[in-house]
N, C-alpha and C. Protein backbone atom coordinates (compact mmCIF):
# COMPACT_ATOMS: atom_id res chain seq x y z
N MET A 1 24.91 -17.23 36.34
CA MET A 1 24.54 -16.93 34.97
C MET A 1 23.03 -16.80 34.89
N SER A 2 22.55 -15.67 34.41
CA SER A 2 21.10 -15.48 34.33
C SER A 2 20.56 -15.95 32.99
N PRO A 3 19.38 -16.54 33.00
CA PRO A 3 18.79 -17.01 31.74
C PRO A 3 18.42 -15.81 30.87
N GLU A 4 18.59 -15.98 29.54
CA GLU A 4 18.23 -14.91 28.61
C GLU A 4 16.71 -14.81 28.51
N LYS A 5 16.26 -13.59 28.44
CA LYS A 5 14.83 -13.36 28.28
C LYS A 5 14.52 -13.33 26.79
N LYS A 6 13.59 -14.16 26.35
CA LYS A 6 13.22 -14.21 24.94
C LYS A 6 11.79 -13.72 24.78
N VAL A 7 11.57 -13.03 23.69
CA VAL A 7 10.22 -12.60 23.35
C VAL A 7 9.55 -13.76 22.65
N LYS A 8 8.41 -14.15 23.16
CA LYS A 8 7.69 -15.27 22.59
C LYS A 8 6.94 -14.84 21.33
N ALA A 9 7.08 -15.62 20.28
CA ALA A 9 6.37 -15.33 19.03
C ALA A 9 4.89 -15.66 19.23
N THR A 10 4.05 -14.88 18.59
CA THR A 10 2.61 -15.07 18.67
C THR A 10 2.10 -15.45 17.30
N LYS A 11 1.23 -16.45 17.25
CA LYS A 11 0.66 -16.88 15.99
C LYS A 11 -0.56 -16.01 15.69
N LEU A 12 -0.59 -15.45 14.49
CA LEU A 12 -1.68 -14.59 14.05
C LEU A 12 -2.22 -15.08 12.72
N THR A 13 -3.49 -14.82 12.47
CA THR A 13 -4.06 -15.02 11.15
C THR A 13 -4.57 -13.66 10.69
N VAL A 14 -4.14 -13.25 9.49
CA VAL A 14 -4.56 -11.97 8.94
C VAL A 14 -5.13 -12.17 7.55
N GLY A 15 -6.17 -11.39 7.25
CA GLY A 15 -6.73 -11.37 5.91
C GLY A 15 -5.87 -10.47 5.04
N LEU A 16 -5.67 -10.89 3.79
CA LEU A 16 -4.81 -10.14 2.88
C LEU A 16 -5.62 -9.52 1.74
N PRO A 17 -5.14 -8.42 1.20
CA PRO A 17 -5.84 -7.76 0.09
C PRO A 17 -5.53 -8.41 -1.26
N PHE A 18 -6.14 -7.89 -2.30
CA PHE A 18 -5.86 -8.24 -3.68
C PHE A 18 -5.97 -9.75 -3.94
N ASN A 19 -6.96 -10.39 -3.32
CA ASN A 19 -7.21 -11.82 -3.49
C ASN A 19 -6.00 -12.68 -3.13
N LEU A 20 -5.20 -12.22 -2.18
CA LEU A 20 -4.06 -12.99 -1.73
C LEU A 20 -4.44 -13.98 -0.62
N GLY A 21 -5.71 -13.97 -0.22
CA GLY A 21 -6.19 -14.92 0.79
C GLY A 21 -5.93 -14.43 2.20
N SER A 22 -5.58 -15.38 3.05
CA SER A 22 -5.23 -15.03 4.42
C SER A 22 -3.91 -15.72 4.74
N LEU A 23 -3.34 -15.31 5.83
CA LEU A 23 -2.02 -15.81 6.17
C LEU A 23 -1.94 -16.03 7.67
N GLU A 24 -1.38 -17.17 8.03
CA GLU A 24 -1.09 -17.43 9.43
C GLU A 24 0.41 -17.24 9.59
N LEU A 25 0.79 -16.38 10.53
CA LEU A 25 2.21 -16.14 10.71
C LEU A 25 2.58 -16.13 12.18
N GLU A 26 3.84 -16.43 12.42
CA GLU A 26 4.42 -16.34 13.74
C GLU A 26 4.93 -14.92 13.88
N ASN A 27 4.22 -14.12 14.63
CA ASN A 27 4.58 -12.72 14.79
C ASN A 27 5.69 -12.58 15.82
N ASP A 28 6.66 -11.73 15.52
CA ASP A 28 7.73 -11.45 16.47
C ASP A 28 8.00 -9.95 16.48
N GLU A 29 8.95 -9.54 17.29
CA GLU A 29 9.22 -8.11 17.45
C GLU A 29 9.68 -7.44 16.15
N VAL A 30 10.47 -8.13 15.36
CA VAL A 30 10.96 -7.55 14.10
C VAL A 30 9.79 -7.27 13.16
N GLN A 31 8.91 -8.25 13.03
CA GLN A 31 7.75 -8.07 12.16
C GLN A 31 6.79 -7.02 12.72
N GLN A 32 6.65 -6.99 14.04
CA GLN A 32 5.79 -5.97 14.67
C GLN A 32 6.29 -4.57 14.36
N ARG A 33 7.59 -4.36 14.50
CA ARG A 33 8.16 -3.02 14.25
C ARG A 33 8.02 -2.63 12.78
N ALA A 34 8.30 -3.55 11.88
CA ALA A 34 8.17 -3.26 10.45
C ALA A 34 6.70 -3.00 10.08
N ALA A 35 5.80 -3.80 10.66
CA ALA A 35 4.36 -3.60 10.40
C ALA A 35 3.92 -2.24 10.91
N TRP A 36 4.42 -1.83 12.07
CA TRP A 36 4.08 -0.52 12.61
C TRP A 36 4.56 0.59 11.66
N SER A 37 5.79 0.48 11.18
CA SER A 37 6.33 1.48 10.26
C SER A 37 5.49 1.57 8.99
N LEU A 38 5.15 0.42 8.42
CA LEU A 38 4.30 0.41 7.23
C LEU A 38 2.92 0.96 7.54
N TYR A 39 2.38 0.59 8.69
CA TYR A 39 1.05 1.08 9.09
C TYR A 39 1.03 2.61 9.16
N VAL A 40 2.02 3.19 9.82
CA VAL A 40 2.08 4.64 9.96
C VAL A 40 2.16 5.30 8.58
N GLU A 41 3.03 4.79 7.73
CA GLU A 41 3.20 5.38 6.40
C GLU A 41 1.93 5.26 5.56
N LEU A 42 1.34 4.10 5.55
CA LEU A 42 0.20 3.87 4.66
C LEU A 42 -1.10 4.47 5.17
N SER A 43 -1.31 4.44 6.47
CA SER A 43 -2.59 4.93 7.00
C SER A 43 -2.72 6.44 6.89
N THR A 44 -1.64 7.13 6.59
CA THR A 44 -1.68 8.59 6.48
C THR A 44 -1.60 9.06 5.03
N ARG A 45 -1.74 8.15 4.09
CA ARG A 45 -1.61 8.49 2.67
C ARG A 45 -2.96 8.49 1.95
N ILE A 46 -2.96 9.15 0.81
CA ILE A 46 -4.13 9.16 -0.06
C ILE A 46 -4.54 7.73 -0.41
N ALA A 47 -3.57 6.83 -0.45
CA ALA A 47 -3.82 5.44 -0.84
C ALA A 47 -4.94 4.78 -0.03
N VAL A 48 -5.17 5.21 1.20
CA VAL A 48 -6.22 4.60 2.01
C VAL A 48 -7.32 5.58 2.40
N GLN A 49 -7.25 6.79 1.89
CA GLN A 49 -8.28 7.79 2.19
C GLN A 49 -9.23 7.89 1.00
N PRO A 50 -10.54 7.96 1.26
CA PRO A 50 -11.48 8.05 0.13
C PRO A 50 -11.26 9.34 -0.66
N LEU A 51 -11.37 9.22 -1.96
CA LEU A 51 -11.24 10.36 -2.86
C LEU A 51 -12.62 10.55 -3.50
N GLY A 52 -13.39 11.47 -2.95
CA GLY A 52 -14.75 11.69 -3.43
C GLY A 52 -14.79 12.26 -4.82
N GLU A 53 -15.95 12.17 -5.43
CA GLU A 53 -16.12 12.71 -6.78
C GLU A 53 -15.79 14.20 -6.79
N GLY A 54 -14.96 14.59 -7.71
CA GLY A 54 -14.56 15.99 -7.82
C GLY A 54 -13.54 16.43 -6.79
N GLU A 55 -13.09 15.51 -5.95
CA GLU A 55 -12.07 15.85 -4.93
C GLU A 55 -10.71 15.38 -5.39
N GLY A 56 -9.71 16.09 -4.93
CA GLY A 56 -8.34 15.65 -5.14
C GLY A 56 -7.91 15.66 -6.59
N ILE A 57 -6.70 15.19 -6.80
CA ILE A 57 -6.10 15.13 -8.12
C ILE A 57 -5.67 13.69 -8.37
N LEU A 58 -6.06 13.16 -9.49
CA LEU A 58 -5.73 11.77 -9.82
C LEU A 58 -4.22 11.54 -9.86
N ARG A 59 -3.48 12.49 -10.38
CA ARG A 59 -2.02 12.35 -10.45
C ARG A 59 -1.45 12.17 -9.05
N GLU A 60 -1.94 12.96 -8.10
CA GLU A 60 -1.44 12.84 -6.72
C GLU A 60 -1.78 11.48 -6.13
N ALA A 61 -2.96 10.96 -6.45
CA ALA A 61 -3.36 9.65 -5.94
C ALA A 61 -2.45 8.56 -6.51
N LEU A 62 -2.16 8.63 -7.81
CA LEU A 62 -1.27 7.64 -8.42
C LEU A 62 0.14 7.76 -7.86
N THR A 63 0.60 8.98 -7.65
CA THR A 63 1.94 9.19 -7.08
C THR A 63 2.01 8.64 -5.66
N SER A 64 0.95 8.83 -4.89
CA SER A 64 0.91 8.31 -3.53
C SER A 64 1.03 6.79 -3.54
N LEU A 65 0.31 6.14 -4.45
CA LEU A 65 0.39 4.68 -4.56
C LEU A 65 1.78 4.25 -5.03
N TYR A 66 2.34 4.98 -5.97
CA TYR A 66 3.68 4.66 -6.45
C TYR A 66 4.70 4.76 -5.31
N ASN A 67 4.53 5.75 -4.46
CA ASN A 67 5.46 5.93 -3.33
C ASN A 67 5.42 4.78 -2.34
N VAL A 68 4.34 4.01 -2.34
CA VAL A 68 4.25 2.83 -1.46
C VAL A 68 5.39 1.85 -1.78
N PHE A 69 5.82 1.79 -3.06
CA PHE A 69 6.93 0.91 -3.43
C PHE A 69 8.20 1.31 -2.70
N ASN A 70 8.55 2.58 -2.77
CA ASN A 70 9.79 3.06 -2.13
C ASN A 70 9.72 2.93 -0.62
N ILE A 71 8.58 3.26 -0.05
CA ILE A 71 8.40 3.16 1.40
C ILE A 71 8.56 1.71 1.85
N THR A 72 7.92 0.80 1.12
CA THR A 72 7.99 -0.62 1.48
C THR A 72 9.42 -1.13 1.38
N ARG A 73 10.08 -0.79 0.30
CA ARG A 73 11.49 -1.21 0.14
C ARG A 73 12.35 -0.71 1.29
N GLN A 74 12.20 0.56 1.63
CA GLN A 74 13.02 1.16 2.68
C GLN A 74 12.76 0.47 4.02
N ILE A 75 11.51 0.27 4.37
CA ILE A 75 11.17 -0.34 5.65
C ILE A 75 11.67 -1.78 5.71
N LEU A 76 11.51 -2.53 4.61
CA LEU A 76 11.98 -3.92 4.61
C LEU A 76 13.50 -3.98 4.69
N ARG A 77 14.18 -3.07 3.99
CA ARG A 77 15.66 -3.03 4.09
C ARG A 77 16.10 -2.76 5.52
N GLU A 78 15.47 -1.77 6.15
CA GLU A 78 15.84 -1.41 7.52
C GLU A 78 15.53 -2.53 8.50
N ALA A 79 14.46 -3.28 8.26
CA ALA A 79 14.08 -4.37 9.16
C ALA A 79 15.05 -5.54 9.03
N GLY A 80 15.64 -5.70 7.85
CA GLY A 80 16.59 -6.78 7.64
C GLY A 80 15.92 -8.08 7.25
N PRO A 81 16.73 -9.10 6.98
CA PRO A 81 16.21 -10.37 6.48
C PRO A 81 15.30 -11.10 7.48
N GLU A 82 15.38 -10.74 8.75
CA GLU A 82 14.53 -11.40 9.75
C GLU A 82 13.04 -11.19 9.47
N VAL A 83 12.71 -10.12 8.75
CA VAL A 83 11.31 -9.82 8.47
C VAL A 83 10.76 -10.67 7.33
N ALA A 84 11.62 -11.45 6.69
CA ALA A 84 11.19 -12.27 5.55
C ALA A 84 11.61 -13.72 5.72
N LYS A 85 11.44 -14.25 6.91
CA LYS A 85 11.80 -15.65 7.17
C LYS A 85 10.65 -16.54 6.71
N GLY A 86 10.68 -16.94 5.47
CA GLY A 86 9.68 -17.84 4.92
C GLY A 86 8.49 -17.11 4.32
N PRO A 87 7.66 -17.85 3.60
CA PRO A 87 6.52 -17.25 2.89
C PRO A 87 5.44 -16.72 3.83
N ASN A 88 5.43 -17.16 5.07
CA ASN A 88 4.45 -16.68 6.05
C ASN A 88 5.06 -15.58 6.92
N SER A 89 5.55 -14.55 6.26
CA SER A 89 6.18 -13.45 6.98
C SER A 89 5.75 -12.12 6.38
N LEU A 90 5.92 -11.07 7.15
CA LEU A 90 5.54 -9.73 6.71
C LEU A 90 6.27 -9.33 5.44
N GLY A 91 7.54 -9.67 5.32
CA GLY A 91 8.31 -9.31 4.13
C GLY A 91 7.67 -9.82 2.85
N PHE A 92 7.26 -11.06 2.87
CA PHE A 92 6.63 -11.64 1.68
C PHE A 92 5.25 -11.04 1.42
N ILE A 93 4.50 -10.77 2.49
CA ILE A 93 3.19 -10.12 2.33
C ILE A 93 3.38 -8.76 1.66
N ALA A 94 4.29 -7.97 2.18
CA ALA A 94 4.51 -6.61 1.67
C ALA A 94 4.92 -6.63 0.19
N ILE A 95 5.79 -7.55 -0.17
CA ILE A 95 6.24 -7.64 -1.56
C ILE A 95 5.09 -8.10 -2.46
N ASP A 96 4.29 -9.06 -1.99
CA ASP A 96 3.13 -9.50 -2.76
C ASP A 96 2.13 -8.37 -2.98
N VAL A 97 1.90 -7.58 -1.96
CA VAL A 97 0.95 -6.47 -2.09
C VAL A 97 1.39 -5.50 -3.17
N ILE A 98 2.66 -5.13 -3.17
CA ILE A 98 3.08 -4.15 -4.18
C ILE A 98 3.19 -4.78 -5.57
N ASN A 99 3.66 -6.02 -5.66
CA ASN A 99 3.82 -6.62 -6.98
C ASN A 99 2.53 -7.17 -7.58
N THR A 100 1.69 -7.76 -6.75
CA THR A 100 0.45 -8.36 -7.24
C THR A 100 -0.71 -7.38 -7.24
N GLY A 101 -0.75 -6.52 -6.24
CA GLY A 101 -1.87 -5.60 -6.10
C GLY A 101 -1.67 -4.26 -6.77
N LEU A 102 -0.59 -3.58 -6.45
CA LEU A 102 -0.41 -2.21 -6.93
C LEU A 102 0.21 -2.13 -8.33
N ARG A 103 1.19 -2.95 -8.60
CA ARG A 103 1.92 -2.84 -9.87
C ARG A 103 1.00 -2.92 -11.10
N PRO A 104 0.12 -3.92 -11.21
CA PRO A 104 -0.73 -3.98 -12.41
C PRO A 104 -1.62 -2.73 -12.59
N PHE A 105 -2.13 -2.22 -11.50
CA PHE A 105 -2.95 -1.01 -11.55
C PHE A 105 -2.14 0.18 -12.05
N LEU A 106 -0.97 0.38 -11.47
CA LEU A 106 -0.13 1.52 -11.85
C LEU A 106 0.43 1.38 -13.26
N VAL A 107 0.77 0.17 -13.66
CA VAL A 107 1.30 -0.06 -15.01
C VAL A 107 0.24 0.31 -16.05
N ARG A 108 -1.01 0.08 -15.72
CA ARG A 108 -2.08 0.44 -16.66
C ARG A 108 -2.34 1.94 -16.68
N TRP A 109 -2.52 2.54 -15.50
CA TRP A 109 -3.02 3.91 -15.44
C TRP A 109 -1.96 4.99 -15.53
N HIS A 110 -0.78 4.75 -15.04
CA HIS A 110 0.24 5.81 -15.06
C HIS A 110 0.52 6.30 -16.49
N PRO A 111 0.82 5.41 -17.44
CA PRO A 111 1.11 5.92 -18.79
C PRO A 111 -0.11 6.55 -19.47
N LEU A 112 -1.30 6.04 -19.21
CA LEU A 112 -2.51 6.63 -19.81
C LEU A 112 -2.70 8.06 -19.34
N LEU A 113 -2.60 8.27 -18.03
CA LEU A 113 -2.77 9.62 -17.49
C LEU A 113 -1.64 10.52 -17.94
N LYS A 114 -0.42 10.02 -17.95
CA LYS A 114 0.73 10.82 -18.38
C LYS A 114 0.57 11.29 -19.82
N GLY A 115 0.15 10.38 -20.69
CA GLY A 115 -0.07 10.73 -22.09
C GLY A 115 -1.12 11.82 -22.24
N TYR A 116 -2.17 11.73 -21.45
CA TYR A 116 -3.22 12.75 -21.48
C TYR A 116 -2.70 14.08 -20.94
N GLU A 117 -1.97 14.03 -19.84
CA GLU A 117 -1.44 15.26 -19.23
C GLU A 117 -0.50 16.02 -20.18
N GLU A 118 0.23 15.29 -20.98
CA GLU A 118 1.18 15.92 -21.90
C GLU A 118 0.49 16.76 -22.98
N LYS A 119 -0.81 16.56 -23.17
CA LYS A 119 -1.57 17.30 -24.19
C LYS A 119 -2.31 18.50 -23.61
N ARG A 120 -2.10 18.79 -22.33
CA ARG A 120 -2.83 19.88 -21.68
C ARG A 120 -2.46 21.22 -22.30
N PRO A 121 -3.49 21.98 -22.70
CA PRO A 121 -3.22 23.32 -23.21
C PRO A 121 -2.74 24.23 -22.07
N PRO A 122 -1.82 25.13 -22.34
CA PRO A 122 -1.23 25.96 -21.28
C PRO A 122 -2.24 26.85 -20.55
N GLU A 123 -3.33 27.19 -21.20
CA GLU A 123 -4.31 28.07 -20.55
C GLU A 123 -5.24 27.33 -19.59
N MET A 124 -5.14 26.03 -19.53
CA MET A 124 -6.02 25.23 -18.67
C MET A 124 -5.24 24.70 -17.47
N THR A 125 -5.85 24.77 -16.28
CA THR A 125 -5.18 24.23 -15.10
C THR A 125 -5.14 22.70 -15.19
N SER A 126 -4.18 22.11 -14.51
CA SER A 126 -4.07 20.65 -14.54
C SER A 126 -5.31 19.99 -13.93
N VAL A 127 -5.88 20.62 -12.91
CA VAL A 127 -7.09 20.07 -12.27
C VAL A 127 -8.26 20.11 -13.24
N ASP A 128 -8.49 21.25 -13.87
CA ASP A 128 -9.59 21.36 -14.83
C ASP A 128 -9.40 20.41 -16.01
N TYR A 129 -8.18 20.32 -16.48
CA TYR A 129 -7.90 19.45 -17.61
C TYR A 129 -8.13 17.98 -17.24
N GLU A 130 -7.66 17.60 -16.07
CA GLU A 130 -7.84 16.22 -15.61
C GLU A 130 -9.32 15.86 -15.54
N ARG A 131 -10.14 16.80 -15.12
CA ARG A 131 -11.57 16.54 -14.97
C ARG A 131 -12.30 16.39 -16.30
N THR A 132 -11.65 16.79 -17.40
CA THR A 132 -12.27 16.62 -18.72
C THR A 132 -11.84 15.32 -19.39
N TRP A 133 -10.97 14.56 -18.74
CA TRP A 133 -10.45 13.32 -19.31
C TRP A 133 -11.56 12.29 -19.41
N GLU A 134 -11.67 11.63 -20.53
CA GLU A 134 -12.73 10.64 -20.75
C GLU A 134 -12.61 9.43 -19.81
N HIS A 135 -11.43 9.18 -19.27
CA HIS A 135 -11.23 8.04 -18.38
C HIS A 135 -11.24 8.41 -16.90
N GLU A 136 -11.52 9.67 -16.60
CA GLU A 136 -11.44 10.13 -15.21
C GLU A 136 -12.35 9.32 -14.28
N ALA A 137 -13.61 9.13 -14.65
CA ALA A 137 -14.55 8.40 -13.79
C ALA A 137 -14.12 6.95 -13.62
N GLU A 138 -13.63 6.33 -14.68
CA GLU A 138 -13.17 4.94 -14.61
C GLU A 138 -11.97 4.82 -13.68
N LEU A 139 -11.01 5.73 -13.81
CA LEU A 139 -9.84 5.70 -12.93
C LEU A 139 -10.26 5.93 -11.48
N ARG A 140 -11.17 6.85 -11.25
CA ARG A 140 -11.65 7.07 -9.88
C ARG A 140 -12.30 5.82 -9.30
N ARG A 141 -13.08 5.10 -10.10
CA ARG A 141 -13.72 3.85 -9.63
C ARG A 141 -12.65 2.83 -9.26
N GLU A 142 -11.66 2.68 -10.15
CA GLU A 142 -10.60 1.71 -9.88
C GLU A 142 -9.73 2.13 -8.70
N LEU A 143 -9.50 3.41 -8.55
CA LEU A 143 -8.77 3.91 -7.38
C LEU A 143 -9.51 3.54 -6.10
N GLU A 144 -10.82 3.65 -6.12
CA GLU A 144 -11.61 3.29 -4.94
C GLU A 144 -11.48 1.80 -4.64
N GLN A 145 -11.46 0.97 -5.67
CA GLN A 145 -11.29 -0.47 -5.46
C GLN A 145 -9.91 -0.76 -4.85
N VAL A 146 -8.89 -0.10 -5.36
CA VAL A 146 -7.54 -0.28 -4.82
C VAL A 146 -7.49 0.23 -3.39
N ARG A 147 -8.13 1.36 -3.12
CA ARG A 147 -8.17 1.93 -1.78
C ARG A 147 -8.79 0.94 -0.79
N GLN A 148 -9.88 0.31 -1.19
CA GLN A 148 -10.52 -0.68 -0.31
C GLN A 148 -9.59 -1.83 0.00
N GLN A 149 -8.81 -2.26 -0.99
CA GLN A 149 -7.83 -3.33 -0.76
C GLN A 149 -6.70 -2.85 0.15
N MET A 150 -6.29 -1.61 -0.02
CA MET A 150 -5.23 -1.06 0.83
C MET A 150 -5.71 -0.94 2.28
N VAL A 151 -6.99 -0.68 2.48
CA VAL A 151 -7.54 -0.63 3.84
C VAL A 151 -7.44 -2.02 4.48
N ILE A 152 -7.71 -3.07 3.72
CA ILE A 152 -7.55 -4.44 4.22
C ILE A 152 -6.09 -4.66 4.63
N TYR A 153 -5.18 -4.19 3.80
CA TYR A 153 -3.75 -4.33 4.09
C TYR A 153 -3.36 -3.56 5.35
N VAL A 154 -3.83 -2.33 5.47
CA VAL A 154 -3.53 -1.52 6.65
C VAL A 154 -4.10 -2.18 7.91
N ASP A 155 -5.29 -2.77 7.81
CA ASP A 155 -5.87 -3.49 8.94
C ASP A 155 -5.00 -4.69 9.33
N ALA A 156 -4.48 -5.40 8.33
CA ALA A 156 -3.59 -6.54 8.60
C ALA A 156 -2.30 -6.05 9.26
N LEU A 157 -1.76 -4.95 8.77
CA LEU A 157 -0.55 -4.38 9.37
C LEU A 157 -0.80 -3.98 10.83
N ALA A 158 -1.96 -3.41 11.09
CA ALA A 158 -2.31 -3.03 12.47
C ALA A 158 -2.32 -4.25 13.37
N LYS A 159 -2.91 -5.33 12.87
CA LYS A 159 -2.98 -6.56 13.66
C LYS A 159 -1.58 -7.11 13.93
N ILE A 160 -0.75 -7.12 12.91
CA ILE A 160 0.63 -7.62 13.06
C ILE A 160 1.41 -6.71 14.02
N ALA A 161 1.17 -5.42 13.95
CA ALA A 161 1.86 -4.46 14.82
C ALA A 161 1.36 -4.51 16.26
N GLY A 162 0.25 -5.19 16.48
CA GLY A 162 -0.30 -5.32 17.83
C GLY A 162 -1.21 -4.17 18.21
N ILE A 163 -1.74 -3.46 17.22
CA ILE A 163 -2.65 -2.34 17.48
C ILE A 163 -4.06 -2.89 17.62
N GLU A 164 -4.72 -2.47 18.68
CA GLU A 164 -6.09 -2.96 18.92
C GLU A 164 -7.05 -2.31 17.98
């Protein structure tokens, strides 16, 4: 009878975004794979890419952040309950990031921008109209703050995934 080969868990400390502090966790293969999936999804989105003045569309940036909810849910479902074994696990980090970090921002800005967009005159492009919004600069500033926090999160995911 041959002994079973087990993957040894590694203890990691990662910094968390949105004033969630830091976390020490026992990293394992399930968490590594889920962190990799989240890393790939998030690092390629507007959510972590700078949006310079006059660049991009605010609606697309908000939609990209909103999509992080669905992506996170899907990845956590596929990873299974092993990814959320206790408060010091990737599952709990991911849920905290979307509920504590992203949700309040989106709850504030999504309806404000939507209400403004609904008043757009047909002869004006959505981009031009968006740029005339009185809250455009404020939303861009807050988007940048959220982006910086998402970069912290992506860095933590990289560390959990074992990316150098």
